[in-house]
Amino acid sequence: MQADDYHKRITDYYRDTENAYKDSWDLKNSLAIHYGYWDDKVKTFPQSLQRMNEVMMEAAAITRNDKVLDAGCGVGGSSIFLATSLGCEVTGITLSERQAGQARANAIKKGTEKLTTFQVMDYAATSFPAESFDVVWGCESICYADDKDKFINEAYRLLKPGGRLVVADGFVSAFENNKHPVIRKWLDGWQVNYLETPGRFQQFMEMAGFNKVSYRNISKEASHSSRRLYRFYYLASIYLLWKKVNFSKPATEMQKINIAACKYQYKGMKKGLWQYGLITGVKP
């Protein structure tokens, strides 16, 4: 598939499923389109979404003086969180003009417009000069890269010496699992081309030049969100059936496979076909 076609599928997906994220993921308030991190500091689902940001922030040791690139920023949630929590400058980039506009509006509402900027750009082929950032951040966005190694190489180019890459995302336990029916139905439903393994991702980082590469399997902490999506699958399926019976406007094919993916991501995690990981590395 051509890159332009794949990128359009991704932007169409987020446009067509926006209401589902508002209904199931508290999108209007959380501004988050990612799994939560559930530990002893968390009591509620919205707190788990913020906690994922906190864990990533701590893993990358981000400070007020850092310039951060939020690679695949969505509607700006993580960028706004970092600006609010630390007062650091954050540049968010996304393939979607719609999301970039929403992120700008959200930043104004949250009072971070002086610290955050949002642009439409491919994070694997940016127009930024080399060594522009102290941190490159990817929260459940790098899975969408055309080629994950190209993103890693671009992140390395963009980082200053001593800069850090931090990624939280799904990883298949074995690369061939990308062809497993459960994983394929999940990824196709969310318009993801494929997932890397932890080992391959770490190898790509080391080949790019990163050192102090560290990976942590945080599936246990993310499993609460996985179960929540599984429950949403059943509720959404009942809703679609009700719409059909009442001759309401039918769901689009994109919406149907998005809902089905909520079931398969859970089954895949339960079977050990994929895991949720947090990976960091430092540019010497």
Protein backbone atom coordinates (compact mmCIF):
# COMPACT_ATOMS: atom_id res chain seq x y z
CA MET A 1 0.00 0.00 0.00
CA GLN A 2 1.23 3.49 -0.87
CA ALA A 3 2.11 5.73 2.09
CA ASP A 4 -0.46 8.37 1.06
CA ASP A 5 -3.24 5.76 0.98
CA TYR A 6 -2.21 4.37 4.36
CA HIS A 7 -2.03 7.84 5.92
CA LYS A 8 -5.50 8.67 4.58
CA ARG A 9 -6.88 5.48 6.10
CA ILE A 10 -5.45 6.51 9.47
CA THR A 11 -6.89 10.03 9.35
CA ASP A 12 -10.26 8.71 8.14
CA TYR A 13 -10.26 6.18 10.98
CA TYR A 14 -9.82 8.82 13.68
CA ARG A 15 -12.45 11.03 12.06
CA ASP A 16 -15.02 8.24 11.78
CA THR A 17 -14.45 6.82 15.27
CA GLU A 18 -14.24 10.13 17.14
CA ASN A 19 -17.68 9.71 18.74
CA ALA A 20 -16.80 6.22 19.92
CA TYR A 21 -13.76 7.60 21.74
CA LYS A 22 -15.92 10.33 23.27
CA ASP A 23 -18.40 7.71 24.50
CA SER A 24 -15.95 5.10 25.74
CA TRP A 25 -12.75 6.96 26.57
CA ASP A 26 -13.83 10.28 28.12
CA LEU A 27 -12.13 12.00 25.16
CA LYS A 28 -13.68 15.42 25.76
CA ASN A 29 -12.17 15.62 29.25
CA SER A 30 -9.13 13.33 29.12
CA LEU A 31 -8.03 14.33 25.58
CA ALA A 32 -6.52 10.84 25.58
CA ILE A 33 -6.68 8.12 22.94
CA HIS A 34 -4.46 5.57 24.69
CA TYR A 35 -4.47 2.83 27.32
CA GLY A 36 -4.29 3.83 30.97
CA TYR A 37 -1.65 2.81 33.50
CA TRP A 38 -3.20 1.29 36.62
CA ASP A 39 -1.12 1.13 39.81
CA ASP A 40 -1.58 1.93 43.51
CA LYS A 41 -1.71 5.66 42.71
CA VAL A 42 -4.81 5.21 40.56
CA LYS A 43 -8.42 4.99 41.72
CA THR A 44 -10.39 5.88 38.57
CA PHE A 45 -10.17 5.36 34.82
CA PRO A 46 -9.45 9.05 34.03
CA GLN A 47 -6.62 8.94 36.58
CA SER A 48 -5.14 5.91 34.81
CA LEU A 49 -4.95 7.89 31.55
CA GLN A 50 -3.11 10.71 33.27
CA ARG A 51 -0.89 8.20 35.07
CA MET A 52 0.31 6.80 31.73
CA ASN A 53 1.51 10.28 30.87
CA GLU A 54 3.20 10.58 34.25
CA VAL A 55 4.97 7.24 33.87
CA MET A 56 6.26 8.19 30.42
CA MET A 57 7.34 11.60 31.70
CA GLU A 58 9.25 9.99 34.57
CA ALA A 59 10.83 7.36 32.31
CA ALA A 60 12.21 10.07 30.01
CA ALA A 61 13.18 12.32 32.95
CA ILE A 62 11.54 15.32 31.27
CA THR A 63 12.15 18.72 32.87
CA ARG A 64 10.84 22.26 32.48
CA ASN A 65 13.81 23.17 30.28
CA ASP A 66 13.25 20.40 27.73
CA LYS A 67 11.80 20.89 24.27
CA VAL A 68 9.56 17.93 23.49
CA LEU A 69 8.25 16.56 20.21
CA ASP A 70 4.94 14.74 20.68
CA ALA A 71 5.08 12.40 17.69
CA GLY A 72 1.50 11.52 16.77
CA CYS A 73 -0.13 13.96 19.18
CA GLY A 74 -3.80 13.20 18.51
CA VAL A 75 -5.98 15.95 19.97
CA GLY A 76 -3.09 17.24 22.08
CA GLY A 77 -3.66 15.50 25.39
CA SER A 78 -0.07 14.50 26.19
CA SER A 79 1.34 17.79 24.92
CA ILE A 80 -1.04 19.77 27.10
CA PHE A 81 -0.30 17.50 30.07
CA LEU A 82 3.45 18.08 29.78
CA ALA A 83 3.05 21.84 29.36
CA THR A 84 0.69 22.02 32.33
CA SER A 85 2.69 19.72 34.60
CA LEU A 86 6.19 20.98 33.84
CA GLY A 87 5.92 24.22 31.93
CA CYS A 88 8.05 22.83 29.11
CA GLU A 89 7.67 23.62 25.41
CA VAL A 90 5.96 20.91 23.35
CA THR A 91 5.47 20.60 19.61
CA GLY A 92 2.78 18.14 18.59
CA ILE A 93 2.57 16.67 15.10
CA THR A 94 -0.16 14.55 13.53
CA LEU A 95 -1.20 13.39 10.07
CA SER A 96 -4.68 14.80 10.64
CA GLU A 97 -5.50 18.46 10.00
CA ARG A 98 -8.70 17.89 11.99
CA GLN A 99 -6.78 16.65 15.03
CA ALA A 100 -4.24 19.47 14.79
CA GLY A 101 -7.10 21.99 14.85
CA GLN A 102 -8.71 20.25 17.81
CA ALA A 103 -5.38 20.18 19.64
CA ARG A 104 -4.94 23.94 19.14
CA ALA A 105 -8.44 24.57 20.45
CA ASN A 106 -7.85 22.28 23.44
CA ALA A 107 -4.60 24.08 24.24
CA ILE A 108 -6.43 27.42 24.31
CA LYS A 109 -9.08 25.97 26.64
CA LYS A 110 -6.37 24.61 28.96
CA GLY A 111 -4.28 27.80 28.80
CA THR A 112 -1.17 26.19 27.29
CA GLU A 113 -1.23 27.87 23.86
CA LYS A 114 2.01 29.74 24.60
CA LEU A 115 3.86 26.49 25.34
CA THR A 116 2.30 24.15 22.77
CA THR A 117 2.20 24.22 18.98
CA PHE A 118 0.58 21.71 16.65
CA GLN A 119 1.36 20.95 13.02
CA VAL A 120 0.41 18.44 10.33
CA MET A 121 3.50 16.37 9.62
CA ASP A 122 4.77 12.81 9.20
CA TYR A 123 6.89 11.99 12.25
CA ALA A 124 9.14 9.73 10.16
CA ALA A 125 9.97 12.52 7.70
CA THR A 126 9.75 15.88 9.47
CA SER A 127 10.94 19.27 8.27
CA PHE A 128 12.59 20.16 11.58
CA PRO A 129 16.36 20.81 11.67
CA ALA A 130 18.60 18.17 13.25
CA GLU A 131 19.02 18.34 17.03
CA SER A 132 15.84 20.38 17.54
CA PHE A 133 14.47 18.53 20.57
CA ASP A 134 15.49 17.15 23.96
CA VAL A 135 12.77 14.49 23.99
CA VAL A 136 10.79 12.62 21.33
CA TRP A 137 7.59 11.20 22.79
CA GLY A 138 5.35 8.57 21.17
CA CYS A 139 2.27 7.43 23.08
CA GLU A 140 0.42 4.74 21.13
CA SER A 141 1.21 6.46 17.86
CA ILE A 142 4.39 4.78 16.66
CA CYS A 143 2.45 1.59 15.86
CA TYR A 144 1.12 3.56 12.88
CA ALA A 145 4.55 4.29 11.38
CA ASP A 146 4.93 3.03 7.80
CA ASP A 147 8.28 1.58 8.91
CA LYS A 148 9.11 1.73 12.60
CA ASP A 149 12.87 1.85 11.97
CA LYS A 150 12.46 4.98 9.82
CA PHE A 151 10.70 6.72 12.69
CA ILE A 152 13.50 5.69 15.07
CA ASN A 153 16.15 7.06 12.71
CA GLU A 154 14.25 10.33 12.36
CA ALA A 155 13.84 10.59 16.14
CA TYR A 156 17.59 10.12 16.53
CA ARG A 157 18.27 12.88 13.99
CA LEU A 158 15.92 15.28 15.75
CA LEU A 159 17.35 14.74 19.23
CA LYS A 160 20.13 16.79 20.73
CA PRO A 161 23.05 14.91 22.33
CA GLY A 162 21.71 13.55 25.61
CA GLY A 163 18.18 13.61 24.20
CA ARG A 164 15.72 10.83 25.03
CA LEU A 165 13.21 8.79 23.06
CA VAL A 166 10.24 7.40 24.99
CA VAL A 167 7.58 5.16 23.45
CA ALA A 168 4.57 3.45 25.02
CA ASP A 169 2.78 1.12 22.63
CA GLY A 170 1.71 -2.37 21.70
CA PHE A 171 4.32 -4.94 20.66
CA VAL A 172 3.74 -8.44 19.31
CA SER A 173 5.48 -11.15 21.30
CA ALA A 174 6.75 -12.72 18.04
CA PHE A 175 6.84 -10.94 14.68
CA GLU A 176 4.86 -13.70 12.95
CA ASN A 177 1.97 -12.93 15.31
CA ASN A 178 1.14 -10.05 12.97
CA LYS A 179 -0.43 -12.70 10.72
CA HIS A 180 -2.39 -14.39 13.52
CA PRO A 181 -6.16 -14.00 12.86
CA VAL A 182 -6.81 -12.47 16.29
CA ILE A 183 -4.05 -9.89 15.91
CA ARG A 184 -4.92 -9.19 12.28
CA LYS A 185 -8.58 -8.49 13.10
CA TRP A 186 -7.49 -6.17 15.90
CA LEU A 187 -4.93 -4.25 13.87
CA ASP A 188 -7.09 -4.02 10.74
CA GLY A 189 -9.93 -2.68 12.89
CA TRP A 190 -7.72 0.12 14.16
CA GLN A 191 -5.98 0.65 10.79
CA VAL A 192 -2.52 -0.38 12.06
CA ASN A 193 -0.23 -1.97 9.47
CA TYR A 194 1.85 -4.11 11.86
CA LEU A 195 3.49 -4.15 15.29
CA GLU A 196 7.14 -4.63 16.10
CA THR A 197 8.50 -6.99 18.72
CA PRO A 198 10.30 -5.54 21.74
CA GLY A 199 13.55 -7.14 20.56
CA ARG A 200 13.41 -5.77 17.02
CA PHE A 201 12.45 -2.29 18.24
CA GLN A 202 15.36 -2.24 20.67
CA GLN A 203 17.68 -3.48 17.92
CA PHE A 204 16.54 -0.69 15.58
CA MET A 205 17.20 1.85 18.33
CA GLU A 206 20.71 0.52 18.94
CA MET A 207 21.46 0.45 15.21
CA ALA A 208 20.34 4.09 14.97
CA GLY A 209 22.83 4.99 17.68
CA PHE A 210 20.79 5.06 20.88
CA ASN A 211 22.33 3.74 24.07
CA LYS A 212 20.87 2.94 27.50
CA VAL A 213 17.96 1.30 25.65
CA SER A 214 15.49 -0.09 28.17
CA TYR A 215 12.22 -1.98 27.70
CA ARG A 216 9.57 -2.73 30.31
CA ASN A 217 6.50 -4.91 29.79
CA ILE A 218 3.65 -2.97 31.40
CA SER A 219 0.80 -5.21 30.20
CA LYS A 220 -0.33 -5.78 33.79
CA GLU A 221 -0.75 -2.05 34.33
CA ALA A 222 -2.49 -1.60 30.95
CA SER A 223 -4.78 -4.64 31.27
CA HIS A 224 -7.52 -2.62 32.99
CA SER A 225 -7.96 -0.59 29.79
CA SER A 226 -7.91 -3.77 27.72
CA ARG A 227 -10.79 -5.17 29.76
CA ARG A 228 -12.65 -1.88 29.52
CA LEU A 229 -12.44 -2.02 25.72
CA TYR A 230 -13.67 -5.62 25.82
CA ARG A 231 -16.75 -4.55 27.78
CA PHE A 232 -17.28 -1.66 25.39
CA TYR A 233 -17.37 -4.15 22.50
CA TYR A 234 -20.47 -5.84 23.94
CA LEU A 235 -22.24 -2.58 24.79
CA ALA A 236 -21.51 -1.12 21.35
CA SER A 237 -22.65 -4.32 19.63
CA ILE A 238 -26.00 -4.12 21.43
CA TYR A 239 -26.30 -0.47 20.41
CA LEU A 240 -25.63 -1.30 16.75
CA LEU A 241 -28.27 -4.03 16.88
CA TRP A 242 -30.76 -1.57 18.37
CA LYS A 243 -30.03 0.92 15.57
CA LYS A 244 -30.62 -1.82 12.99
CA VAL A 245 -33.95 -2.82 14.53
CA ASN A 246 -35.07 0.81 14.68
CA PHE A 247 -33.97 1.51 11.10
CA SER A 248 -31.59 4.22 12.28
CA LYS A 249 -28.60 5.35 10.26
CA PRO A 250 -26.43 2.22 9.98
CA ALA A 251 -22.88 2.12 11.25
CA THR A 252 -20.11 2.46 8.69
CA GLU A 253 -17.83 -0.47 7.96
CA MET A 254 -15.01 1.44 9.66
CA GLN A 255 -17.09 1.81 12.82
CA LYS A 256 -18.04 -1.88 12.80
CA ILE A 257 -14.48 -3.19 12.53
CA ASN A 258 -13.31 -0.63 15.10
CA ILE A 259 -15.80 -2.03 17.61
CA ALA A 260 -14.84 -5.64 16.76
CA ALA A 261 -11.18 -4.75 17.32
CA CYS A 262 -12.00 -3.99 20.95
CA LYS A 263 -12.73 -7.69 21.42
CA TYR A 264 -9.69 -8.95 19.57
CA GLN A 265 -7.15 -6.71 21.35
CA TYR A 266 -8.32 -8.26 24.64
CA LYS A 267 -8.22 -11.82 23.32
CA GLY A 268 -4.76 -11.20 21.87
CA MET A 269 -3.39 -9.93 25.17
CA LYS A 270 -4.96 -12.83 27.08
CA LYS A 271 -3.34 -15.29 24.66
CA GLY A 272 0.04 -13.59 25.06
CA LEU A 273 0.16 -12.69 21.37
CA TRP A 274 0.99 -9.07 22.19
CA GLN A 275 2.09 -6.99 25.13
CA TYR A 276 2.02 -3.36 26.12
CA GLY A 277 5.52 -1.98 26.46
CA LEU A 278 7.41 1.12 27.55
CA ILE A 279 10.76 1.70 25.85
CA THR A 280 13.35 4.43 26.31
CA GLY A 281 16.76 5.26 24.87
CA VAL A 282 19.34 8.06 25.00
CA LYS A 283 21.23 9.73 22.17
CA PRO A 284 24.93 9.90 23.21
